Protein backbone atom coordinates (compact mmCIF):
# COMPACT_ATOMS: atom_id res chain seq x y z
CA UNK A 1 5.38 191.34 280.97
CA UNK A 2 6.00 191.77 277.26
CA UNK A 3 5.81 188.59 275.19
CA UNK A 4 4.32 186.68 278.13
CA UNK A 5 1.42 189.01 278.70
CA UNK A 6 -0.68 187.31 276.02
CA UNK A 7 -0.44 184.01 277.85
CA UNK A 8 -2.77 185.03 280.66
CA UNK A 9 -5.46 183.02 278.93
CA UNK A 10 -3.32 179.90 279.28
CA UNK A 11 -3.20 180.31 283.05
CA UNK A 12 -6.95 180.86 283.14
CA UNK A 13 -7.48 177.73 281.04
CA UNK A 14 -5.26 175.68 283.33
CA UNK A 15 -7.18 176.87 286.39
CA UNK A 16 -10.45 176.08 284.62
CA UNK A 17 -9.17 172.59 283.86
CA UNK A 18 -8.38 172.10 287.53
CA UNK A 19 -11.82 173.29 288.54
CA UNK A 20 -13.46 170.99 285.98
CA UNK A 21 -11.99 167.97 287.77
CA UNK A 22 -13.92 168.89 290.89
CA UNK A 23 -11.06 170.73 292.57
CA UNK A 24 -11.56 173.04 295.46
CA UNK A 25 -9.67 176.35 295.21
CA UNK A 26 -8.76 174.59 292.79
CA UNK A 27 -7.08 171.36 294.09
CA UNK A 28 -8.42 167.85 293.65
CA UNK A 29 -7.61 165.32 296.33
CA UNK A 30 -8.69 161.67 296.39
CA UNK A 31 -10.56 160.33 299.41
CA UNK A 32 -8.08 159.25 302.09
CA UNK A 33 -7.68 155.52 302.58
CA UNK A 34 -5.40 155.68 305.65
CA UNK A 35 -5.85 157.00 309.14
CA UNK A 36 -4.45 160.45 308.39
CA UNK A 37 -6.31 162.94 306.17
CA UNK A 38 -5.07 163.28 302.61
CA UNK A 39 -3.10 166.46 301.89
CA UNK A 40 -5.00 169.42 300.46
CA UNK A 41 -3.38 172.25 298.50
CA UNK A 42 -4.32 175.29 296.42
CA UNK A 43 -2.64 175.83 293.03
CA UNK A 44 -1.61 179.50 293.16
CA UNK A 45 -0.43 180.99 289.81
CA UNK A 46 2.93 182.78 289.98
CA UNK A 47 3.50 183.52 286.29
CA UNK A 48 3.37 182.21 282.75
CA UNK A 49 6.30 181.62 280.39
CA UNK A 50 7.32 180.18 277.01
CA UNK A 51 7.62 176.40 277.38
CA UNK A 52 9.04 176.44 280.91
CA UNK A 53 10.83 173.26 281.97
CA UNK A 54 12.71 174.07 285.18
CA UNK A 55 13.11 176.67 287.93
CA UNK A 56 15.96 177.42 290.34
CA UNK A 57 16.96 179.81 293.11
CA UNK A 58 20.24 181.58 293.84
CA UNK A 59 21.65 182.18 297.31
CA UNK A 60 21.09 185.75 298.50
CA UNK A 61 18.63 186.47 295.66
CA UNK A 62 14.86 186.67 296.10
CA UNK A 63 14.25 186.12 292.38
CA UNK A 64 13.00 182.89 290.82
CA UNK A 65 14.89 181.77 287.72
CA UNK A 66 12.73 180.03 285.14
CA UNK A 67 14.18 177.95 282.30
CA UNK A 68 12.46 178.24 278.91
CA UNK A 69 13.18 175.37 276.58
CA UNK A 70 14.02 177.44 273.51
CA UNK A 71 17.17 178.74 275.22
CA UNK A 72 16.30 181.45 277.71
CA UNK A 73 16.53 181.87 281.47
CA UNK A 74 14.29 184.57 282.90
CA UNK A 75 14.29 186.06 286.39
CA UNK A 76 10.87 186.47 287.98
CA UNK A 77 10.90 189.13 290.72
CA UNK A 78 8.51 189.27 293.67
CA UNK A 79 6.65 192.15 292.01
CA UNK A 80 5.92 189.94 288.97
CA UNK A 81 8.38 191.65 286.64
CA UNK A 82 10.37 189.38 284.31
CA UNK A 83 13.86 189.99 282.89
CA UNK A 84 15.79 187.72 280.52
CA UNK A 85 19.16 186.98 282.15
CA UNK A 86 20.42 184.44 279.60
CA UNK A 87 19.61 183.99 275.92
CA UNK A 88 21.38 181.13 274.14
CA UNK A 89 18.70 180.45 271.55
CA UNK A 90 21.30 180.89 268.81
CA UNK A 91 23.40 177.96 270.10
CA UNK A 92 20.59 175.70 271.31
CA UNK A 93 18.73 173.00 269.41
CA UNK A 94 15.16 173.04 270.72
CA UNK A 95 12.37 170.66 269.84
CA UNK A 96 11.09 167.26 270.88
CA UNK A 97 13.18 166.29 273.91
CA UNK A 98 15.98 168.77 273.19
CA UNK A 99 16.58 172.35 274.26
CA UNK A 100 17.68 174.28 277.32
CA UNK A 101 16.64 171.69 279.88
CA UNK A 102 18.09 172.37 283.32
CA UNK A 103 19.65 174.97 285.61
CA UNK A 104 21.54 174.76 288.91
CA UNK A 105 23.32 177.45 290.90
CA UNK A 106 26.53 176.78 292.80
CA UNK A 107 25.95 176.74 296.57
CA UNK A 108 27.53 180.21 296.96
CA UNK A 109 25.31 181.66 294.21
CA UNK A 110 28.22 183.05 292.20
CA UNK A 111 28.06 180.57 289.32
CA UNK A 112 25.26 179.02 287.29
CA UNK A 113 25.31 175.75 285.35
CA UNK A 114 22.95 174.94 282.49
CA UNK A 115 22.25 171.72 280.63
CA UNK A 116 21.34 172.33 277.00
CA UNK A 117 21.43 170.68 273.58
CA UNK A 118 23.96 172.42 271.36
CA UNK A 119 23.71 172.89 267.58
CA UNK A 120 25.43 169.52 266.99
CA UNK A 121 22.85 167.75 269.15
CA UNK A 122 25.29 167.15 272.02
CA UNK A 123 24.48 167.55 275.68
CA UNK A 124 26.48 170.55 276.90
CA UNK A 125 27.01 171.58 280.52
CA UNK A 126 28.03 175.24 280.56
CA UNK A 127 29.11 177.43 283.48
CA UNK A 128 28.26 181.14 283.75
CA UNK A 129 29.32 183.85 286.15
CA UNK A 130 26.26 185.49 287.72
CA UNK A 131 26.29 189.28 288.21
CA UNK A 132 24.68 191.11 291.11
CA UNK A 133 21.60 191.81 288.97
CA UNK A 134 21.25 188.12 288.12
CA UNK A 135 22.47 188.28 284.52
CA UNK A 136 24.69 185.47 283.22
CA UNK A 137 28.07 186.10 281.53
CA UNK A 138 31.45 184.56 280.67
CA UNK A 139 30.33 181.10 279.47
CA UNK A 140 32.73 178.20 280.03
CA UNK A 141 31.96 174.75 278.63
CA UNK A 142 32.45 172.26 281.45
CA UNK A 143 31.32 168.91 280.02
CA UNK A 144 29.64 167.50 276.96
CA UNK A 145 28.43 164.16 275.68
CA UNK A 146 27.41 162.99 272.21
CA UNK A 147 23.79 161.97 271.79
CA UNK A 148 22.87 159.17 269.36
CA UNK A 149 19.38 160.65 268.93
CA UNK A 150 17.26 163.58 270.01
CA UNK A 151 15.43 161.36 272.50
CA UNK A 152 16.21 160.38 276.09
CA UNK A 153 18.87 163.02 276.65
CA UNK A 154 18.02 163.56 280.32
CA UNK A 155 18.42 167.25 281.12
CA UNK A 156 18.55 167.76 284.87
CA UNK A 157 21.48 168.80 287.02
CA UNK A 158 21.75 169.61 290.72
CA UNK A 159 24.28 170.17 293.46
CA UNK A 160 24.15 167.39 296.01
CA UNK A 161 24.55 167.55 299.80
CA UNK A 162 28.31 167.02 299.23
CA UNK A 163 28.66 170.13 297.05
CA UNK A 164 29.35 168.11 293.90
CA UNK A 165 27.42 168.59 290.64
CA UNK A 166 25.17 165.70 289.58
CA UNK A 167 24.08 165.40 285.92
CA UNK A 168 21.30 163.16 284.59
CA UNK A 169 21.81 161.61 281.13
CA UNK A 170 19.38 159.30 279.38
CA UNK A 171 20.40 156.36 277.20
CA UNK A 172 20.18 158.55 274.07
CA UNK A 173 18.37 155.80 272.22
CA UNK A 174 15.35 156.22 269.99
CA UNK A 175 13.95 153.26 271.92
CA UNK A 176 14.80 150.06 273.76
CA UNK A 177 18.36 151.03 274.76
CA UNK A 178 19.44 149.88 271.31
CA UNK A 179 23.16 150.16 272.06
CA UNK A 180 22.82 148.67 275.57
CA UNK A 181 24.60 151.64 277.16
CA UNK A 182 22.56 152.05 280.34
CA UNK A 183 24.28 149.16 282.13
CA UNK A 184 27.66 149.68 280.43
CA UNK A 185 30.10 151.40 282.84
CA UNK A 186 32.20 152.59 279.89
CA UNK A 187 29.40 154.89 278.69
CA UNK A 188 28.15 158.05 280.39
CA UNK A 189 24.71 157.54 278.80
CA UNK A 190 21.87 156.11 280.88
CA UNK A 191 23.63 157.37 284.01
CA UNK A 192 23.71 159.86 286.82
CA UNK A 193 27.12 161.54 286.77
CA UNK A 194 28.98 163.26 289.61
CA UNK A 195 31.71 165.82 289.00
CA UNK A 196 33.46 168.77 290.57
CA UNK A 197 32.58 171.42 287.95
CA UNK A 198 35.54 173.71 288.63
CA UNK A 199 38.73 173.41 286.56
CA UNK A 200 41.05 170.76 288.01
CA UNK A 201 44.59 169.75 287.01
CA UNK A 202 44.34 171.41 283.63
CA UNK A 203 40.92 169.91 282.84
CA UNK A 204 37.59 171.67 282.56
CA UNK A 205 36.25 169.75 285.57
CA UNK A 206 37.38 167.32 288.23
CA UNK A 207 36.33 163.76 289.01
CA UNK A 208 35.90 163.15 292.76
CA UNK A 209 38.28 160.45 294.00
CA UNK A 210 35.44 158.63 295.79
CA UNK A 211 33.31 158.12 292.67
CA UNK A 212 32.50 154.39 292.48
CA UNK A 213 34.19 153.59 289.16
CA UNK A 214 37.31 155.75 289.40
CA UNK A 215 39.59 152.74 289.85
CA UNK A 216 37.78 150.44 287.42
CA UNK A 217 39.63 149.94 284.14
CA UNK A 218 37.57 150.94 281.10
CA UNK A 219 34.81 152.60 283.13
CA UNK A 220 33.80 156.25 282.81
CA UNK A 221 35.01 157.76 286.10
CA UNK A 222 32.22 160.36 286.14
CA UNK A 223 29.53 157.67 286.59
CA UNK A 224 27.74 157.69 289.95
CA UNK A 225 24.59 155.62 289.22
CA UNK A 226 23.58 153.52 286.21
CA UNK A 227 20.61 151.66 284.72
CA UNK A 228 18.56 154.75 283.81
CA UNK A 229 16.48 155.25 280.68
CA UNK A 230 15.74 158.96 280.89
CA UNK A 231 16.18 160.53 284.34
CA UNK A 232 14.41 163.73 283.35
CA UNK A 233 14.21 165.10 286.91
CA UNK A 234 15.89 164.03 290.15
CA UNK A 235 16.23 165.58 293.61
CA UNK A 236 17.89 165.18 296.98
CA UNK A 237 15.78 165.10 300.13
CA UNK A 238 16.81 168.27 301.96
CA UNK A 239 16.28 166.56 305.34
CA UNK A 240 18.06 163.24 304.75
CA UNK A 241 20.11 163.49 301.52
CA UNK A 242 18.14 160.60 299.97
CA UNK A 243 18.14 160.56 296.16
CA UNK A 244 14.83 160.46 294.26
CA UNK A 245 14.72 159.97 290.47
CA UNK A 246 11.82 160.12 288.05
CA UNK A 247 12.88 157.76 285.24
CA UNK A 248 10.77 157.87 282.08
CA UNK A 249 9.77 154.39 280.89
CA UNK A 250 9.57 152.72 277.50
CA UNK A 251 5.93 151.84 276.86
CA UNK A 252 4.71 149.83 279.85
CA UNK A 253 5.99 151.38 283.09
CA UNK A 254 6.95 154.76 284.57
CA UNK A 255 9.10 154.59 287.67
CA UNK A 256 10.19 156.50 290.74
CA UNK A 257 13.60 155.39 291.99
CA UNK A 258 14.90 155.89 295.51
CA UNK A 259 18.41 155.53 296.92
CA UNK A 260 18.69 156.20 300.69
CA UNK A 261 21.66 158.21 301.92
CA UNK A 262 24.13 157.14 304.59
CA UNK A 263 24.72 159.92 307.08
CA UNK A 264 23.24 162.38 304.60
CA UNK A 265 25.67 161.44 301.81
CA UNK A 266 26.43 158.88 299.10
CA UNK A 267 22.83 158.27 297.98
CA UNK A 268 22.91 156.22 294.77
CA UNK A 269 26.65 155.54 294.85
CA UNK A 270 27.32 152.61 292.51
CA UNK A 271 23.60 151.81 292.28
CA UNK A 272 22.02 150.35 289.14
CA UNK A 273 18.33 151.15 288.79
CA UNK A 274 17.70 148.33 286.33
CA UNK A 275 17.22 149.67 282.82
CA UNK A 276 17.37 147.99 280.34
CA UNK A 277 17.33 144.61 282.06
CA UNK A 278 14.01 145.81 283.47
CA UNK A 279 11.37 148.37 282.68
CA UNK A 280 9.99 149.10 286.11
CA UNK A 281 9.53 145.66 287.65
CA UNK A 282 9.06 143.98 284.26
CA UNK A 283 11.86 142.06 282.53
CA UNK A 284 12.89 143.89 279.36
CA UNK A 285 16.15 143.18 277.47
CA UNK A 286 16.95 139.58 278.33
CA UNK A 287 20.54 139.93 277.05
CA UNK A 288 21.25 142.34 279.92
CA UNK A 289 21.88 140.57 283.21
CA UNK A 290 19.06 140.61 285.72
CA UNK A 291 21.46 140.62 288.68
CA UNK A 292 22.56 143.51 290.84
CA UNK A 293 19.78 146.01 290.18
CA UNK A 294 17.70 148.06 292.62
CA UNK A 295 13.96 147.82 291.89
CA UNK A 296 11.84 150.98 291.65
CA UNK A 297 10.26 152.48 294.73
CA UNK A 298 7.09 152.95 292.69
CA UNK A 299 6.16 151.85 289.18
CA UNK A 300 2.88 152.70 287.47
CA UNK A 301 1.45 151.53 284.13
CA UNK A 302 1.48 153.64 280.97
CA UNK A 303 -2.32 153.85 281.13
CA UNK A 304 -1.87 156.24 284.07
CA UNK A 305 0.85 158.34 282.43
CA UNK A 306 3.63 157.93 279.90
CA UNK A 307 6.37 160.39 280.98
CA UNK A 308 7.05 160.82 284.69
CA UNK A 309 8.32 164.33 285.44
CA UNK A 310 9.90 163.54 288.78
CA UNK A 311 9.49 165.62 291.91
CA UNK A 312 10.64 166.26 295.46
CA UNK A 313 10.06 165.06 299.01
CA UNK A 314 8.11 167.85 300.69
CA UNK A 315 9.93 169.32 303.69
CA UNK A 316 9.33 172.38 305.87
CA UNK A 317 6.53 174.52 307.26
CA UNK A 318 5.64 175.85 303.80
CA UNK A 319 4.47 172.37 302.73
CA UNK A 320 1.71 171.99 305.31
CA UNK A 321 -0.03 168.61 305.14
CA UNK A 322 2.31 167.54 302.32
CA UNK A 323 5.22 167.31 304.78
CA UNK A 324 7.09 164.06 304.15
CA UNK A 325 5.14 163.13 301.01
CA UNK A 326 6.91 162.74 297.66
CA UNK A 327 5.18 165.07 295.20
CA UNK A 328 5.61 164.46 291.46
CA UNK A 329 3.95 164.82 288.07
CA UNK A 330 3.61 163.20 284.66
CA UNK A 331 3.86 165.06 281.36
CA UNK A 332 1.37 162.88 279.47
CA UNK A 333 -1.20 162.59 282.25
CA UNK A 334 -0.77 166.23 283.24
CA UNK A 335 -1.45 165.27 286.84
CA UNK A 336 0.30 166.14 290.09
CA UNK A 337 0.41 163.34 292.65
CA UNK A 338 1.43 163.06 296.30
CA UNK A 339 2.95 159.72 297.33
CA UNK A 340 2.93 158.82 301.00
CA UNK A 341 6.34 157.61 302.22
CA UNK A 342 6.30 155.21 305.15
CA UNK A 343 9.35 154.55 307.33
CA UNK A 344 12.90 155.81 306.97
CA UNK A 345 16.21 154.76 305.43
CA UNK A 346 16.38 151.42 303.60
CA UNK A 347 13.05 150.34 305.11
CA UNK A 348 11.01 153.06 303.36
CA UNK A 349 7.91 151.85 301.53
CA UNK A 350 5.26 153.50 299.38
CA UNK A 351 1.87 154.23 300.91
CA UNK A 352 -1.14 156.05 299.49
CA UNK A 353 -1.04 157.85 296.14
CA UNK A 354 -3.27 160.93 296.04
CA UNK A 355 -4.15 163.18 293.09
CA UNK A 356 -3.60 166.84 293.91
CA UNK A 357 -4.64 168.31 290.55
CA UNK A 358 -4.26 168.36 286.77
CA UNK A 359 -2.52 171.25 284.99
CA UNK A 360 -1.43 169.49 281.79
CA UNK A 361 2.09 168.80 280.44
CA UNK A 362 3.89 168.79 283.79
CA UNK A 363 7.61 169.34 283.10
CA UNK A 364 8.94 169.72 286.64
CA UNK A 365 8.06 169.95 290.28
CA UNK A 366 10.65 171.80 292.37
CA UNK A 367 11.06 173.22 295.86
CA UNK A 368 12.19 176.70 296.79
CA UNK A 369 14.58 177.73 299.57
CA UNK A 370 11.78 177.72 302.15
CA UNK A 371 10.55 174.30 301.00
CA UNK A 372 7.55 175.68 299.11
CA UNK A 373 6.64 173.49 296.13
CA UNK A 374 6.19 174.75 292.57
CA UNK A 375 4.78 172.84 289.62
CA UNK A 376 5.59 173.79 286.03
CA UNK A 377 3.53 173.15 282.91
CA UNK A 378 5.11 173.26 279.47
CA UNK A 379 1.94 175.03 278.33
CA UNK A 380 3.20 178.10 280.19
CA UNK A 381 1.88 178.47 283.74
CA UNK A 382 3.85 177.93 286.93
CA UNK A 383 1.94 177.31 290.16
CA UNK A 384 2.90 177.34 293.80
CA UNK A 385 1.28 174.60 295.89
CA UNK A 386 -0.13 176.39 298.93
CA UNK A 387 -1.41 174.33 301.89
CA UNK A 388 -5.16 174.72 302.30
């Protein structure tokens, strides 16, 4: 595996750390407090990489595409072989909260979209044609946004149930939403955006006519949701279309946001998730109105973790006892949690919160085409969560 072969010790160390917490094979699960048993999983290593931050799959391709923060995308084959399919290290600023941060494939698998920090410190969304062997070519810049600082740039992007491309952008502030952009509809910062990434009417991308602020004078038409500090990772429930966002907090609260879908669509449309009027459920900037915001589904104090990594709602046979739970991580705490979700639609509430394990520096938790869950550590290892 070339330059990754020397990282085998990192995987071993991560497994040892799991075992040291009292894990079994080697997962740690808290004692159940409800009537149903708590979920139990095994953390199965699938590979180790250079500062991995995301992973994606392409239709008709059995490879797993891993994003390395310095500017590479590598394809991991079933036999364990690894090939670099994209190298943009020469045009990527990497460090701190910047770098190559996210990857999404178009539903037909023919195009790939990456979110990276360019040499001027801007967020750049770039499209690539994907060859039969998985290599990326013919870059086309789709969208970019200036960043006031190297912090809170977001980084995720995903195709929604409607086939549109959603892009997460943080408030770009060094702290405190200094420019008060998160609630400002004229700014794309502190938002979840929704675009049609293909060229439209002479522009590099299109704005869907049903975006909530298209007809509002002075508003950025790309905006779908607002009131976000740093939506590092978000996901759509593959069964319902509900939108889940892990929004990194300031210094008191980390939050999980939820926007239920209507008929499988429109989750989060026109929704404000509260920043910077609130940090979690706590009042924050008093000069930002407290009205019209959706409170977090779950907020936890900084003592438990200081950078929520987001996650996914587990769905499918491959998830075993995790079925229906929201599984997420925290970079600072290094832990992977399973959150019980009770009810459906707007009546959903949070139930038990169970610790599944600790791998350190969790950057993402994603699900594959069959619903299997994978957790990524910036230290290098990627694990599959296998039902025990």
